[in-house]
């Protein structure tokens, strides 16, 4: 998505980040068609592993007359993953990708030096309210991938590792965990998983990743004697053995983490970079709106009639 509550948030850096063992309560914002809850970046925590942005979208019902309608906008220095539980969303980008995002599938967009995309629910056949619910995340790229060419990869849910048993079902979306590896290649070591737990079921977090977190989407979990309801992200200390137990109604979790990057990242609007200079260059490139000769940004084919202009501040 293109909304940010702050264009240049103050975030912790260095050892102060890695030492934090905290609970994040997302900030809620109404986008008109639905509400989002943002867990990352947070005032006390910029990233969990390479994950630098984490939004819960919905749950909501999108009407034919009140749809998701995010016009073309730019990104640099990150990769995005939009993961849906319910509904569908139309992705178009400047590579020429035209892909409907549907529940359980992976849609991995690597911005690198620059990409433009739009996100809409513009299915003209929709006549009834459409349930819509999902998570959108950004993953910051390592420094040696910030200038790479943009890419887009799609993998259906049937192609993802699915682990079942002992009252839990875990779909590995990205990276490696619990002896499995997801099919879409990533620029750094990470894990991202959708876990559904029956009441009382337990799941251990992977021990082979430096940074780890868990977001409660539905239900509740108990960790080390403390209970956490939906809409909470827990971030755990490196090296600790952690197991989560579902509450009496069960739980749905997003589990995430991985290797920390070489340093903090700067965030401005939809841009993520290891230096402010990179962001200033991207701002100027988007401000010029020169889609024919601009080597960094182009509008998506088939969705090039309008775009989101650069914010004033």
C-alpha atoms as a PDB file:
ATOM      1  CA  UNK A   1       0.000   0.000   0.000  1.00  0.00           C
ATOM      2  CA  UNK A   2       1.117   3.605  -0.350  1.00  0.00           C
ATOM      3  CA  UNK A   3      -0.083   5.089   2.957  1.00  0.00           C
ATOM      4  CA  UNK A   4       2.385   5.913   5.724  1.00  0.00           C
ATOM      5  CA  UNK A   5       1.548   7.583   9.047  1.00  0.00           C
ATOM      6  CA  UNK A   6       4.924   9.365   9.076  1.00  0.00           C
ATOM      7  CA  UNK A   7       7.170  10.091   6.127  1.00  0.00           C
ATOM      8  CA  UNK A   8      10.411   9.962   8.057  1.00  0.00           C
ATOM      9  CA  UNK A   9       9.764   7.971  11.259  1.00  0.00           C
ATOM     10  CA  UNK A  10      12.314   7.945  14.032  1.00  0.00           C
ATOM     11  CA  UNK A  11      13.368   4.331  14.519  1.00  0.00           C
ATOM     12  CA  UNK A  12      15.902   2.679  16.833  1.00  0.00           C
ATOM     13  CA  UNK A  13      19.189   1.488  15.359  1.00  0.00           C
ATOM     14  CA  UNK A  14      22.138  -0.762  16.101  1.00  0.00           C
ATOM     15  CA  UNK A  15      22.445  -2.756  19.295  1.00  0.00           C
ATOM     16  CA  UNK A  16      19.434  -0.982  20.840  1.00  0.00           C
ATOM     17  CA  UNK A  17      17.184  -2.723  18.335  1.00  0.00           C
ATOM     18  CA  UNK A  18      18.607  -6.205  18.803  1.00  0.00           C
ATOM     19  CA  UNK A  19      18.276  -6.095  22.602  1.00  0.00           C
ATOM     20  CA  UNK A  20      14.534  -5.342  22.576  1.00  0.00           C
ATOM     21  CA  UNK A  21      12.058  -7.995  23.688  1.00  0.00           C
ATOM     22  CA  UNK A  22       8.752  -6.238  23.224  1.00  0.00           C
ATOM     23  CA  UNK A  23       5.100  -6.323  22.290  1.00  0.00           C
ATOM     24  CA  UNK A  24       3.922  -4.035  19.505  1.00  0.00           C
ATOM     25  CA  UNK A  25       0.353  -2.741  19.423  1.00  0.00           C
ATOM     26  CA  UNK A  26      -0.387  -1.723  15.820  1.00  0.00           C
ATOM     27  CA  UNK A  27      -1.636   1.730  14.929  1.00  0.00           C
ATOM     28  CA  UNK A  28      -5.024   1.709  13.215  1.00  0.00           C
ATOM     29  CA  UNK A  29      -5.883   3.950  10.274  1.00  0.00           C
ATOM     30  CA  UNK A  30      -9.035   4.138   8.163  1.00  0.00           C
ATOM     31  CA  UNK A  31      -8.242   4.090   4.435  1.00  0.00           C
ATOM     32  CA  UNK A  32     -11.870   4.495   3.401  1.00  0.00           C
ATOM     33  CA  UNK A  33     -12.487   1.065   1.888  1.00  0.00           C
ATOM     34  CA  UNK A  34     -11.122  -0.672   4.995  1.00  0.00           C
ATOM     35  CA  UNK A  35      -9.000  -0.221   8.112  1.00  0.00           C
ATOM     36  CA  UNK A  36      -5.315  -1.114   8.313  1.00  0.00           C
ATOM     37  CA  UNK A  37      -3.309  -1.877  11.436  1.00  0.00           C
ATOM     38  CA  UNK A  38       0.406  -1.161  11.135  1.00  0.00           C
ATOM     39  CA  UNK A  39       2.832  -3.081  13.358  1.00  0.00           C
ATOM     40  CA  UNK A  40       6.099  -2.203  11.564  1.00  0.00           C
ATOM     41  CA  UNK A  41       7.885   0.133  11.577  1.00  0.00           C
ATOM     42  CA  UNK A  42       7.131   0.945  15.219  1.00  0.00           C
ATOM     43  CA  UNK A  43       8.535   3.727  17.422  1.00  0.00           C
ATOM     44  CA  UNK A  44      10.662   1.213  19.364  1.00  0.00           C
ATOM     45  CA  UNK A  45      11.372  -1.261  16.600  1.00  0.00           C
ATOM     46  CA  UNK A  46      12.214  -0.631  12.947  1.00  0.00           C
ATOM     47  CA  UNK A  47      12.577  -4.206  11.670  1.00  0.00           C
ATOM     48  CA  UNK A  48      12.174  -7.877  12.559  1.00  0.00           C
ATOM     49  CA  UNK A  49      14.955  -9.493  10.576  1.00  0.00           C
ATOM     50  CA  UNK A  50      14.610  -7.810   7.167  1.00  0.00           C
ATOM     51  CA  UNK A  51      10.849  -7.164   7.590  1.00  0.00           C
ATOM     52  CA  UNK A  52      10.442  -3.379   7.767  1.00  0.00           C
ATOM     53  CA  UNK A  53       6.719  -2.889   7.115  1.00  0.00           C
ATOM     54  CA  UNK A  54       3.773  -4.973   8.321  1.00  0.00           C
ATOM     55  CA  UNK A  55       0.135  -4.027   7.711  1.00  0.00           C
ATOM     56  CA  UNK A  56      -3.015  -5.958   8.519  1.00  0.00           C
ATOM     57  CA  UNK A  57      -5.596  -5.096   5.850  1.00  0.00           C
ATOM     58  CA  UNK A  58      -9.172  -5.544   7.064  1.00  0.00           C
ATOM     59  CA  UNK A  59     -11.134  -7.660   7.702  1.00  0.00           C
ATOM     60  CA  UNK A  60     -13.712  -5.804   5.648  1.00  0.00           C
ATOM     61  CA  UNK A  61     -16.324  -6.160   2.963  1.00  0.00           C
ATOM     62  CA  UNK A  62     -15.551  -4.290  -0.234  1.00  0.00           C
ATOM     63  CA  UNK A  63     -18.589  -3.059  -2.111  1.00  0.00           C
ATOM     64  CA  UNK A  64     -18.762  -2.758  -5.898  1.00  0.00           C
ATOM     65  CA  UNK A  65     -19.164   0.987  -5.331  1.00  0.00           C
ATOM     66  CA  UNK A  66     -16.398   1.271  -2.689  1.00  0.00           C
ATOM     67  CA  UNK A  67     -13.324  -0.634  -3.783  1.00  0.00           C
ATOM     68  CA  UNK A  68      -9.613  -0.749  -3.109  1.00  0.00           C
ATOM     69  CA  UNK A  69      -8.177   1.716  -5.599  1.00  0.00           C
ATOM     70  CA  UNK A  70      -4.449   2.380  -5.098  1.00  0.00           C
ATOM     71  CA  UNK A  71      -3.125   4.223  -8.147  1.00  0.00           C
ATOM     72  CA  UNK A  72       0.369   3.572  -9.563  1.00  0.00           C
ATOM     73  CA  UNK A  73       3.103   4.493  -7.103  1.00  0.00           C
ATOM     74  CA  UNK A  74       6.863   3.823  -6.843  1.00  0.00           C
ATOM     75  CA  UNK A  75       9.136   1.709  -4.634  1.00  0.00           C
ATOM     76  CA  UNK A  76      12.893   1.308  -4.226  1.00  0.00           C
ATOM     77  CA  UNK A  77      15.135  -0.795  -1.980  1.00  0.00           C
ATOM     78  CA  UNK A  78      12.562  -3.377  -0.893  1.00  0.00           C
ATOM     79  CA  UNK A  79      10.501  -6.391  -1.849  1.00  0.00           C
ATOM     80  CA  UNK A  80       6.770  -6.641  -1.177  1.00  0.00           C
ATOM     81  CA  UNK A  81       4.533  -9.590  -0.353  1.00  0.00           C
ATOM     82  CA  UNK A  82       0.751  -9.281  -0.265  1.00  0.00           C
ATOM     83  CA  UNK A  83      -0.785 -12.361   1.356  1.00  0.00           C
ATOM     84  CA  UNK A  84      -4.559 -12.695   1.410  1.00  0.00           C
ATOM     85  CA  UNK A  85      -6.863 -14.786   3.591  1.00  0.00           C
ATOM     86  CA  UNK A  86     -10.030 -13.637   1.840  1.00  0.00           C
ATOM     87  CA  UNK A  87     -10.840 -11.695  -1.311  1.00  0.00           C
ATOM     88  CA  UNK A  88      -8.662 -10.838  -4.303  1.00  0.00           C
ATOM     89  CA  UNK A  89      -6.612  -7.886  -5.494  1.00  0.00           C
ATOM     90  CA  UNK A  90      -5.413  -6.840  -8.963  1.00  0.00           C
ATOM     91  CA  UNK A  91      -1.661  -6.172  -9.221  1.00  0.00           C
ATOM     92  CA  UNK A  92      -0.158  -4.394 -12.244  1.00  0.00           C
ATOM     93  CA  UNK A  93       3.429  -3.169 -12.414  1.00  0.00           C
ATOM     94  CA  UNK A  94       5.894  -1.438 -14.711  1.00  0.00           C
ATOM     95  CA  UNK A  95       7.402  -4.783 -15.739  1.00  0.00           C
ATOM     96  CA  UNK A  96       4.124  -5.552 -17.500  1.00  0.00           C
ATOM     97  CA  UNK A  97       2.897  -7.929 -14.787  1.00  0.00           C
ATOM     98  CA  UNK A  98      -0.892  -8.310 -14.683  1.00  0.00           C
ATOM     99  CA  UNK A  99      -1.713 -10.684 -11.829  1.00  0.00           C
ATOM    100  CA  UNK A 100      -4.680 -11.232  -9.536  1.00  0.00           C
ATOM    101  CA  UNK A 101      -3.546 -11.851  -5.948  1.00  0.00           C
ATOM    102  CA  UNK A 102      -5.684 -14.556  -4.339  1.00  0.00           C
ATOM    103  CA  UNK A 103      -5.744 -16.287  -0.922  1.00  0.00           C
ATOM    104  CA  UNK A 104      -2.740 -18.457  -0.058  1.00  0.00           C
ATOM    105  CA  UNK A 105      -0.599 -17.421  -3.043  1.00  0.00           C
ATOM    106  CA  UNK A 106       2.786 -15.681  -3.038  1.00  0.00           C
ATOM    107  CA  UNK A 107       3.201 -12.511  -5.065  1.00  0.00           C
ATOM    108  CA  UNK A 108       6.778 -11.320  -4.525  1.00  0.00           C
ATOM    109  CA  UNK A 109       7.680  -7.965  -6.083  1.00  0.00           C
ATOM    110  CA  UNK A 110      11.336  -6.929  -5.866  1.00  0.00           C
ATOM    111  CA  UNK A 111      11.678  -3.175  -6.377  1.00  0.00           C
ATOM    112  CA  UNK A 112      15.475  -2.978  -6.464  1.00  0.00           C
ATOM    113  CA  UNK A 113      16.467   0.303  -8.143  1.00  0.00           C
ATOM    114  CA  UNK A 114      12.849   1.130  -8.926  1.00  0.00           C
ATOM    115  CA  UNK A 115       9.430  -0.243  -9.813  1.00  0.00           C
ATOM    116  CA  UNK A 116       5.905   1.173 -10.102  1.00  0.00           C
ATOM    117  CA  UNK A 117       2.712  -0.742  -9.351  1.00  0.00           C
ATOM    118  CA  UNK A 118      -0.993  -0.376  -8.643  1.00  0.00           C
ATOM    119  CA  UNK A 119      -3.352  -2.378  -6.417  1.00  0.00           C
ATOM    120  CA  UNK A 120      -7.062  -2.438  -7.149  1.00  0.00           C
ATOM    121  CA  UNK A 121     -10.216  -4.504  -6.778  1.00  0.00           C
ATOM    122  CA  UNK A 122     -11.477  -3.571 -10.220  1.00  0.00           C
ATOM    123  CA  UNK A 123     -13.240  -6.778 -11.251  1.00  0.00           C
ATOM    124  CA  UNK A 124     -16.182  -5.524 -13.279  1.00  0.00           C
ATOM    125  CA  UNK A 125     -18.021  -8.804 -12.652  1.00  0.00           C
ATOM    126  CA  UNK A 126     -18.250  -8.112  -8.895  1.00  0.00           C
ATOM    127  CA  UNK A 127     -21.869  -7.474  -7.968  1.00  0.00           C
ATOM    128  CA  UNK A 128     -21.951  -8.451  -4.292  1.00  0.00           C
ATOM    129  CA  UNK A 129     -19.862  -7.373  -1.281  1.00  0.00           C
ATOM    130  CA  UNK A 130     -16.462  -9.101  -1.316  1.00  0.00           C
ATOM    131  CA  UNK A 131     -14.851 -10.198   1.973  1.00  0.00           C
ATOM    132  CA  UNK A 132     -11.302  -8.832   2.094  1.00  0.00           C
ATOM    133  CA  UNK A 133      -8.610  -9.684   4.641  1.00  0.00           C
ATOM    134  CA  UNK A 134      -4.851 -10.000   4.414  1.00  0.00           C
ATOM    135  CA  UNK A 135      -1.359  -8.913   5.376  1.00  0.00           C
ATOM    136  CA  UNK A 136       1.038  -6.774   3.388  1.00  0.00           C
ATOM    137  CA  UNK A 137       4.717  -6.663   4.262  1.00  0.00           C
ATOM    138  CA  UNK A 138       7.858  -5.029   2.922  1.00  0.00           C
ATOM    139  CA  UNK A 139      11.269  -6.678   3.206  1.00  0.00           C
ATOM    140  CA  UNK A 140      14.297  -4.365   3.091  1.00  0.00           C
ATOM    141  CA  UNK A 141      16.953  -5.479   0.604  1.00  0.00           C
ATOM    142  CA  UNK A 142      20.633  -5.947   1.525  1.00  0.00           C
ATOM    143  CA  UNK A 143      22.923  -3.181   0.284  1.00  0.00           C
ATOM    144  CA  UNK A 144      24.268  -5.294  -2.587  1.00  0.00           C
ATOM    145  CA  UNK A 145      20.707  -5.783  -3.894  1.00  0.00           C
ATOM    146  CA  UNK A 146      19.469  -2.186  -3.683  1.00  0.00           C
ATOM    147  CA  UNK A 147      20.483  -1.434  -7.279  1.00  0.00           C
ATOM    148  CA  UNK A 148      19.324  -4.721  -8.778  1.00  0.00           C
ATOM    149  CA  UNK A 149      16.798  -4.845 -11.592  1.00  0.00           C
ATOM    150  CA  UNK A 150      13.161  -5.179 -10.468  1.00  0.00           C
ATOM    151  CA  UNK A 151      11.415  -8.558 -10.600  1.00  0.00           C
ATOM    152  CA  UNK A 152       8.022 -10.116  -9.939  1.00  0.00           C
ATOM    153  CA  UNK A 153       7.366 -13.759  -8.993  1.00  0.00           C
ATOM    154  CA  UNK A 154       4.062 -15.562  -8.467  1.00  0.00           C
ATOM    155  CA  UNK A 155       3.613 -18.946  -6.785  1.00  0.00           C
ATOM    156  CA  UNK A 156       0.188 -20.495  -6.111  1.00  0.00           C
ATOM    157  CA  UNK A 157      -0.631 -21.743  -2.642  1.00  0.00           C
ATOM    158  CA  UNK A 158      -0.374 -25.336  -3.867  1.00  0.00           C
ATOM    159  CA  UNK A 159       3.360 -24.799  -4.547  1.00  0.00           C
ATOM    160  CA  UNK A 160       4.165 -23.770  -0.948  1.00  0.00           C
ATOM    161  CA  UNK A 161       5.336 -26.225   1.733  1.00  0.00           C
ATOM    162  CA  UNK A 162       2.405 -27.208   3.969  1.00  0.00           C
ATOM    163  CA  UNK A 163       3.139 -28.827   7.337  1.00  0.00           C
ATOM    164  CA  UNK A 164       0.263 -30.419   9.247  1.00  0.00           C
ATOM    165  CA  UNK A 165      -0.121 -32.373  12.451  1.00  0.00           C
ATOM    166  CA  UNK A 166      -0.631 -32.127  16.204  1.00  0.00           C
ATOM    167  CA  UNK A 167      -3.429 -29.592  15.771  1.00  0.00           C
ATOM    168  CA  UNK A 168      -1.575 -27.167  13.515  1.00  0.00           C
ATOM    169  CA  UNK A 169      -1.324 -26.311   9.842  1.00  0.00           C
ATOM    170  CA  UNK A 170       1.634 -24.192   8.737  1.00  0.00           C
ATOM    171  CA  UNK A 171       2.161 -22.813   5.240  1.00  0.00           C
ATOM    172  CA  UNK A 172       5.704 -21.565   4.581  1.00  0.00           C
ATOM    173  CA  UNK A 173       5.372 -18.461   2.413  1.00  0.00           C
ATOM    174  CA  UNK A 174       8.998 -17.312   2.134  1.00  0.00           C
ATOM    175  CA  UNK A 175      12.433 -18.517   3.169  1.00  0.00           C
ATOM    176  CA  UNK A 176      13.288 -21.588   5.215  1.00  0.00           C
ATOM    177  CA  UNK A 177      12.033 -23.012   8.520  1.00  0.00           C
ATOM    178  CA  UNK A 178      11.310 -26.355  10.207  1.00  0.00           C
ATOM    179  CA  UNK A 179      13.363 -28.203   7.576  1.00  0.00           C
ATOM    180  CA  UNK A 180      11.395 -26.804   4.611  1.00  0.00           C
ATOM    181  CA  UNK A 181      12.130 -24.098   2.026  1.00  0.00           C
ATOM    182  CA  UNK A 182       9.626 -22.007   0.067  1.00  0.00           C
ATOM    183  CA  UNK A 183      10.024 -21.903  -3.735  1.00  0.00           C
ATOM    184  CA  UNK A 184      10.489 -18.141  -4.295  1.00  0.00           C
ATOM    185  CA  UNK A 185      14.113 -16.999  -3.915  1.00  0.00           C
ATOM    186  CA  UNK A 186      14.854 -14.157  -1.489  1.00  0.00           C
ATOM    187  CA  UNK A 187      17.840 -11.823  -1.237  1.00  0.00           C
ATOM    188  CA  UNK A 188      18.619 -12.705   2.390  1.00  0.00           C
ATOM    189  CA  UNK A 189      17.865 -15.512   4.850  1.00  0.00           C
ATOM    190  CA  UNK A 190      14.388 -15.195   6.324  1.00  0.00           C
ATOM    191  CA  UNK A 191      11.208 -17.038   7.169  1.00  0.00           C
ATOM    192  CA  UNK A 192       7.565 -16.054   6.803  1.00  0.00           C
ATOM    193  CA  UNK A 193       4.746 -18.462   7.609  1.00  0.00           C
ATOM    194  CA  UNK A 194       0.973 -18.623   8.021  1.00  0.00           C
ATOM    195  CA  UNK A 195       0.141 -20.850  11.010  1.00  0.00           C
ATOM    196  CA  UNK A 196      -3.352 -22.004  12.006  1.00  0.00           C
ATOM    197  CA  UNK A 197      -3.507 -23.625  15.459  1.00  0.00           C
ATOM    198  CA  UNK A 198      -6.341 -25.565  17.037  1.00  0.00           C
ATOM    199  CA  UNK A 199      -7.141 -24.779  20.703  1.00  0.00           C
ATOM    200  CA  UNK A 200      -4.199 -25.770  22.890  1.00  0.00           C
ATOM    201  CA  UNK A 201      -1.878 -26.620  19.971  1.00  0.00           C
ATOM    202  CA  UNK A 202       1.740 -25.475  20.226  1.00  0.00           C
ATOM    203  CA  UNK A 203       4.277 -24.318  17.673  1.00  0.00           C
ATOM    204  CA  UNK A 204       7.985 -23.632  18.271  1.00  0.00           C
ATOM    205  CA  UNK A 205       9.675 -20.747  16.513  1.00  0.00           C
ATOM    206  CA  UNK A 206      12.626 -21.707  14.280  1.00  0.00           C
ATOM    207  CA  UNK A 207      15.886 -21.639  16.221  1.00  0.00           C
ATOM    208  CA  UNK A 208      18.146 -21.117  13.200  1.00  0.00           C
ATOM    209  CA  UNK A 209      17.149 -17.495  12.550  1.00  0.00           C
ATOM    210  CA  UNK A 210      18.666 -14.523  14.329  1.00  0.00           C
ATOM    211  CA  UNK A 211      15.559 -12.347  14.663  1.00  0.00           C
ATOM    212  CA  UNK A 212      12.026 -13.669  15.166  1.00  0.00           C
ATOM    213  CA  UNK A 213       8.540 -12.336  15.685  1.00  0.00           C
ATOM    214  CA  UNK A 214       4.911 -13.475  15.721  1.00  0.00           C
ATOM    215  CA  UNK A 215       1.740 -11.559  14.892  1.00  0.00           C
ATOM    216  CA  UNK A 216      -1.619 -12.766  16.203  1.00  0.00           C
ATOM    217  CA  UNK A 217      -4.131 -12.424  13.368  1.00  0.00           C
ATOM    218  CA  UNK A 218      -7.050 -14.200  15.039  1.00  0.00           C
ATOM    219  CA  UNK A 219      -7.637 -15.867  18.396  1.00  0.00           C
ATOM    220  CA  UNK A 220      -4.985 -15.741  21.112  1.00  0.00           C
ATOM    221  CA  UNK A 221      -1.740 -17.389  22.200  1.00  0.00           C
ATOM    222  CA  UNK A 222       0.160 -17.942  25.413  1.00  0.00           C
ATOM    223  CA  UNK A 223       3.929 -17.393  25.522  1.00  0.00           C
ATOM    224  CA  UNK A 224       5.896 -18.038  28.710  1.00  0.00           C
ATOM    225  CA  UNK A 225       2.753 -17.642  30.811  1.00  0.00           C
ATOM    226  CA  UNK A 226       1.539 -14.417  29.194  1.00  0.00           C
ATOM    227  CA  UNK A 227      -1.559 -14.227  26.972  1.00  0.00           C
ATOM    228  CA  UNK A 228      -1.685 -12.216  23.754  1.00  0.00           C
ATOM    229  CA  UNK A 229      -4.877 -11.508  21.819  1.00  0.00           C
ATOM    230  CA  UNK A 230      -5.317 -10.710  18.139  1.00  0.00           C
ATOM    231  CA  UNK A 231      -3.682  -7.547  16.854  1.00  0.00           C
ATOM    232  CA  UNK A 232      -0.428  -7.999  18.791  1.00  0.00           C
ATOM    233  CA  UNK A 233       3.093  -8.549  17.497  1.00  0.00           C
ATOM    234  CA  UNK A 234       5.639 -10.144  19.810  1.00  0.00           C
ATOM    235  CA  UNK A 235       9.362  -9.800  19.089  1.00  0.00           C
ATOM    236  CA  UNK A 236      11.681 -12.286  20.788  1.00  0.00           C
ATOM    237  CA  UNK A 237      15.269 -12.163  21.938  1.00  0.00           C
ATOM    238  CA  UNK A 238      17.816 -13.885  19.669  1.00  0.00           C
ATOM    239  CA  UNK A 239      18.734 -17.394  20.761  1.00  0.00           C
ATOM    240  CA  UNK A 240      15.836 -17.952  23.165  1.00  0.00           C
ATOM    241  CA  UNK A 241      13.775 -21.088  22.694  1.00  0.00           C
ATOM    242  CA  UNK A 242      10.207 -19.933  22.144  1.00  0.00           C
ATOM    243  CA  UNK A 243       6.974 -21.909  21.832  1.00  0.00           C
ATOM    244  CA  UNK A 244       3.494 -20.458  21.353  1.00  0.00           C
ATOM    245  CA  UNK A 245       0.322 -22.203  22.590  1.00  0.00           C
ATOM    246  CA  UNK A 246      -3.070 -21.399  21.076  1.00  0.00           C
ATOM    247  CA  UNK A 247      -5.828 -20.180  23.389  1.00  0.00           C
ATOM    248  CA  UNK A 248      -9.283 -21.713  23.877  1.00  0.00           C
ATOM    249  CA  UNK A 249     -10.555 -20.405  20.507  1.00  0.00           C
ATOM    250  CA  UNK A 250      -7.435 -21.423  18.597  1.00  0.00           C
ATOM    251  CA  UNK A 251      -5.216 -18.952  16.774  1.00  0.00           C
ATOM    252  CA  UNK A 252      -3.982 -17.809  13.408  1.00  0.00           C
ATOM    253  CA  UNK A 253      -0.469 -16.380  13.373  1.00  0.00           C
ATOM    254  CA  UNK A 254       1.998 -14.854  10.976  1.00  0.00           C
ATOM    255  CA  UNK A 255       5.504 -15.931  11.978  1.00  0.00           C
ATOM    256  CA  UNK A 256       8.393 -13.917  10.602  1.00  0.00           C
ATOM    257  CA  UNK A 257      12.059 -13.075  10.947  1.00  0.00           C
ATOM    258  CA  UNK A 258      15.520 -13.798   9.633  1.00  0.00           C
ATOM    259  CA  UNK A 259      18.993 -12.348   9.464  1.00  0.00           C
ATOM    260  CA  UNK A 260      19.372  -8.715  10.445  1.00  0.00           C
ATOM    261  CA  UNK A 261      20.723  -6.357   7.793  1.00  0.00           C
ATOM    262  CA  UNK A 262      24.061  -4.521   7.792  1.00  0.00           C
ATOM    263  CA  UNK A 263      22.479  -1.470   9.386  1.00  0.00           C
ATOM    264  CA  UNK A 264      19.254   0.520   9.783  1.00  0.00           C
ATOM    265  CA  UNK A 265      17.237   1.711   6.814  1.00  0.00           C
ATOM    266  CA  UNK A 266      15.790   5.094   5.953  1.00  0.00           C
ATOM    267  CA  UNK A 267      12.086   5.185   5.071  1.00  0.00           C
ATOM    268  CA  UNK A 268      10.315   7.976   3.234  1.00  0.00           C
ATOM    269  CA  UNK A 269       6.855   7.388   1.740  1.00  0.00           C
ATOM    270  CA  UNK A 270       7.248   4.187  -0.351  1.00  0.00           C
ATOM    271  CA  UNK A 271      11.046   4.327  -0.495  1.00  0.00           C
ATOM    272  CA  UNK A 272      13.440   2.254   1.632  1.00  0.00           C
ATOM    273  CA  UNK A 273      17.204   2.745   1.375  1.00  0.00           C
ATOM    274  CA  UNK A 274      20.481   2.440   3.235  1.00  0.00           C
ATOM    275  CA  UNK A 275      21.230   6.140   2.623  1.00  0.00           C
ATOM    276  CA  UNK A 276      19.265   9.372   2.434  1.00  0.00           C
ATOM    277  CA  UNK A 277      20.986  10.130  -0.866  1.00  0.00           C
ATOM    278  CA  UNK A 278      19.292   7.146  -2.526  1.00  0.00           C
ATOM    279  CA  UNK A 279      15.914   8.359  -1.338  1.00  0.00           C
ATOM    280  CA  UNK A 280      16.543  11.897  -2.604  1.00  0.00           C
ATOM    281  CA  UNK A 281      17.454  10.503  -6.027  1.00  0.00           C
ATOM    282  CA  UNK A 282      14.259   8.455  -6.139  1.00  0.00           C
ATOM    283  CA  UNK A 283      12.152  11.431  -5.029  1.00  0.00           C
ATOM    284  CA  UNK A 284      13.533  13.568  -7.849  1.00  0.00           C
ATOM    285  CA  UNK A 285      13.017  10.807 -10.414  1.00  0.00           C
ATOM    286  CA  UNK A 286       9.345  10.393  -9.428  1.00  0.00           C
ATOM    287  CA  UNK A 287       8.761  14.145  -9.193  1.00  0.00           C
ATOM    288  CA  UNK A 288       9.890  14.611 -12.825  1.00  0.00           C
ATOM    289  CA  UNK A 289       7.193  12.169 -14.043  1.00  0.00           C
ATOM    290  CA  UNK A 290       9.181  11.671 -17.242  1.00  0.00           C
ATOM    291  CA  UNK A 291       7.942   8.183 -18.042  1.00  0.00           C
ATOM    292  CA  UNK A 292       9.526   7.922 -21.500  1.00  0.00           C
ATOM    293  CA  UNK A 293      13.168   8.777 -20.756  1.00  0.00           C
ATOM    294  CA  UNK A 294      13.276   7.991 -17.028  1.00  0.00           C
ATOM    295  CA  UNK A 295      15.423   4.859 -16.542  1.00  0.00           C
ATOM    296  CA  UNK A 296      14.083   4.258 -13.002  1.00  0.00           C
ATOM    297  CA  UNK A 297      10.278   4.579 -13.120  1.00  0.00           C
ATOM    298  CA  UNK A 298       7.609   3.803 -15.710  1.00  0.00           C
ATOM    299  CA  UNK A 299       3.849   3.496 -15.303  1.00  0.00           C
ATOM    300  CA  UNK A 300       2.271   0.013 -15.522  1.00  0.00           C
ATOM    301  CA  UNK A 301       1.028  -0.918 -19.007  1.00  0.00           C
ATOM    302  CA  UNK A 302      -2.753  -0.958 -18.923  1.00  0.00           C
ATOM    303  CA  UNK A 303      -2.864   1.298 -15.840  1.00  0.00           C
ATOM    304  CA  UNK A 304      -1.052   4.430 -16.954  1.00  0.00           C
ATOM    305  CA  UNK A 305      -3.812   7.054 -16.993  1.00  0.00           C
ATOM    306  CA  UNK A 306      -3.038   8.390 -13.517  1.00  0.00           C
ATOM    307  CA  UNK A 307      -0.549   8.053 -10.652  1.00  0.00           C
ATOM    308  CA  UNK A 308       0.056   9.147  -7.048  1.00  0.00           C
ATOM    309  CA  UNK A 309       2.192  12.315  -7.054  1.00  0.00           C
ATOM    310  CA  UNK A 310       5.148  12.796  -4.750  1.00  0.00           C
ATOM    311  CA  UNK A 311       4.049  14.047  -1.304  1.00  0.00           C
ATOM    312  CA  UNK A 312       4.877  17.644  -0.478  1.00  0.00           C
ATOM    313  CA  UNK A 313       6.886  16.781   2.596  1.00  0.00           C
END
